[in-house]
Amino acid sequence: MFAVASTVIGECQPVEIDACQELVHSMMQLDVDALSIWRDRRFTDSLASAKTGIIFYGGSWLEEEIFIAALQATERGYDVRLLSDLIAPRVDADRSLVLDRLALHGVLPTTVRQMLLEWAVCLDDALLKQKVQQLLA
């Protein structure tokens, strides 16, 4: 809907929903350790070629892979957002500690719903806003 590049790092469970098949086929999947992602040329080259400025993270584990990857992205100058409704902590008690620490580096949580609405409004496309509102209804 927004023509945003998606990269899957590590293992990814197949999606059984027909509506998601197009999204799944458009994703780049890299079988690499999530803690080493910033040393993978395929990943860094794809960000550079797309002139990426903002990175959204979702997945597991918040206090491990997501935490390290987000910190490394901010060190490289990216604006980083966490899709909090798509991120699982390994230890629930650590969730707020990690979010607080990431906030110190400018990494803020959001949700898929908030992201989609924000993008639709920023693009100021009436048809797109309507599609997003219908999707989220």
Protein backbone atom coordinates (compact mmCIF):
# COMPACT_ATOMS: atom_id res chain seq x y z
CA MET A 1 0.00 0.00 0.00
CA PHE A 2 2.89 2.37 0.80
CA ALA A 3 5.63 0.73 -1.30
CA VAL A 4 7.90 0.37 1.73
CA ALA A 5 10.74 -2.13 1.60
CA SER A 6 10.60 -4.94 4.17
CA THR A 7 13.45 -7.14 5.30
CA VAL A 8 13.06 -10.28 7.37
CA ILE A 9 16.07 -11.26 9.45
CA GLY A 10 16.51 -14.85 10.60
CA GLU A 11 13.65 -17.29 10.79
CA CYS A 12 10.20 -16.30 9.57
CA GLN A 13 7.06 -18.35 9.96
CA PRO A 14 5.03 -18.66 6.73
CA VAL A 15 1.87 -16.58 6.58
CA GLU A 16 -1.31 -18.45 5.75
CA ILE A 17 -3.51 -15.41 5.05
CA ASP A 18 -4.17 -14.92 1.31
CA ALA A 19 -4.24 -11.11 1.65
CA CYS A 20 -0.68 -11.18 3.03
CA GLN A 21 0.88 -13.29 0.27
CA GLU A 22 1.83 -10.27 -1.87
CA LEU A 23 3.57 -8.70 1.12
CA VAL A 24 5.42 -11.93 1.91
CA HIS A 25 6.68 -12.24 -1.67
CA SER A 26 7.94 -8.64 -1.69
CA MET A 27 10.07 -9.08 1.45
CA MET A 28 13.79 -9.62 1.35
CA GLN A 29 14.74 -12.44 3.73
CA LEU A 30 18.27 -12.67 5.10
CA ASP A 31 19.34 -15.78 6.93
CA VAL A 32 21.78 -14.02 9.26
CA ASP A 33 22.18 -13.68 13.01
CA ALA A 34 20.13 -10.65 14.10
CA LEU A 35 22.95 -9.48 16.38
CA SER A 36 25.24 -9.28 13.32
CA ILE A 37 22.83 -7.65 10.88
CA TRP A 38 24.79 -4.41 10.59
CA ARG A 39 27.82 -6.37 9.33
CA ASP A 40 25.79 -7.92 6.50
CA ARG A 41 26.49 -6.10 3.21
CA ARG A 42 23.19 -7.17 1.65
CA PHE A 43 21.34 -5.42 4.46
CA THR A 44 23.42 -2.26 4.58
CA ASP A 45 23.57 -1.99 0.79
CA SER A 46 19.78 -2.32 0.52
CA LEU A 47 19.32 0.53 3.00
CA ALA A 48 21.83 2.72 1.17
CA SER A 49 20.35 2.07 -2.28
CA ALA A 50 16.85 2.90 -1.05
CA LYS A 51 18.10 6.10 0.62
CA THR A 52 16.53 4.92 3.86
CA GLY A 53 16.23 7.40 6.72
CA ILE A 54 13.75 5.68 9.02
CA ILE A 55 13.81 2.07 10.19
CA PHE A 56 10.86 0.32 11.83
CA TYR A 57 11.61 -2.79 13.88
CA GLY A 58 9.26 -5.59 14.84
CA GLY A 59 9.82 -9.16 15.96
CA SER A 60 11.52 -11.03 18.75
CA TRP A 61 13.28 -10.49 21.13
CA LEU A 62 12.94 -6.91 22.35
CA GLU A 63 15.66 -6.96 25.00
CA GLU A 64 18.05 -8.87 22.77
CA GLU A 65 17.98 -8.68 18.95
CA ILE A 66 15.71 -5.65 18.63
CA PHE A 67 17.56 -3.72 21.32
CA ILE A 68 21.01 -4.22 19.78
CA ALA A 69 19.86 -3.64 16.18
CA ALA A 70 18.02 -0.45 17.17
CA LEU A 71 21.04 0.93 19.05
CA GLN A 72 23.30 0.17 16.10
CA ALA A 73 20.87 1.88 13.72
CA THR A 74 20.84 5.06 15.81
CA GLU A 75 24.65 5.02 15.94
CA ARG A 76 24.57 5.08 12.13
CA GLY A 77 22.18 8.04 12.06
CA TYR A 78 18.88 6.34 11.31
CA ASP A 79 15.58 7.46 12.83
CA VAL A 80 14.32 4.30 14.56
CA ARG A 81 10.79 3.32 15.57
CA LEU A 82 9.65 0.15 17.31
CA LEU A 83 6.39 -1.47 16.27
CA SER A 84 5.52 -2.32 19.83
CA ASP A 85 2.52 -4.44 18.90
CA LEU A 86 4.80 -6.65 16.79
CA ILE A 87 7.63 -7.01 19.30
CA ALA A 88 7.82 -9.74 21.90
CA PRO A 89 10.09 -9.57 24.94
CA ARG A 90 11.72 -12.75 26.17
CA VAL A 91 11.24 -11.48 29.75
CA ASP A 92 8.15 -9.31 30.28
CA ALA A 93 9.67 -7.54 33.28
CA ASP A 94 12.48 -6.20 31.05
CA ARG A 95 10.14 -4.57 28.51
CA SER A 96 9.82 -1.18 30.21
CA LEU A 97 13.53 -1.09 31.07
CA VAL A 98 14.51 -1.63 27.45
CA LEU A 99 11.96 0.88 26.13
CA ASP A 100 13.23 3.49 28.61
CA ARG A 101 16.83 2.87 27.61
CA LEU A 102 16.03 3.05 23.90
CA ALA A 103 14.08 6.28 24.44
CA LEU A 104 17.32 7.83 25.73
CA HIS A 105 18.72 7.21 22.25
CA GLY A 106 15.65 8.63 20.49
CA VAL A 107 14.06 5.28 19.70
CA LEU A 108 10.32 5.54 20.24
CA PRO A 109 7.60 2.89 20.27
CA THR A 110 4.58 3.11 18.02
CA THR A 111 1.99 0.66 16.72
CA VAL A 112 1.20 -0.56 13.24
CA ARG A 113 -2.12 1.28 13.46
CA GLN A 114 -0.45 4.59 14.37
CA MET A 115 2.18 4.14 11.67
CA LEU A 116 -0.33 3.47 8.91
CA LEU A 117 -2.51 6.42 9.87
CA GLU A 118 0.52 8.73 10.12
CA TRP A 119 1.82 7.71 6.70
CA ALA A 120 -1.59 8.11 5.07
CA VAL A 121 -2.05 11.59 6.54
CA CYS A 122 1.51 12.66 5.64
CA LEU A 123 1.01 11.61 2.02
CA ASP A 124 -2.26 13.60 1.99
CA ASP A 125 -3.88 11.12 -0.38
CA ALA A 126 -7.63 10.96 0.25
CA LEU A 127 -8.02 7.50 -1.34
CA LEU A 128 -5.11 6.10 0.65
CA LYS A 129 -6.48 7.56 3.90
CA GLN A 130 -9.82 5.92 3.15
CA LYS A 131 -8.16 2.55 2.42
CA VAL A 132 -6.20 2.70 5.69
CA GLN A 133 -9.30 3.64 7.69
CA GLN A 134 -11.21 0.72 6.14
CA LEU A 135 -8.33 -1.64 6.84
CA LEU A 136 -8.19 -0.58 10.49
CA ALA A 137 -11.95 -0.59 11.04
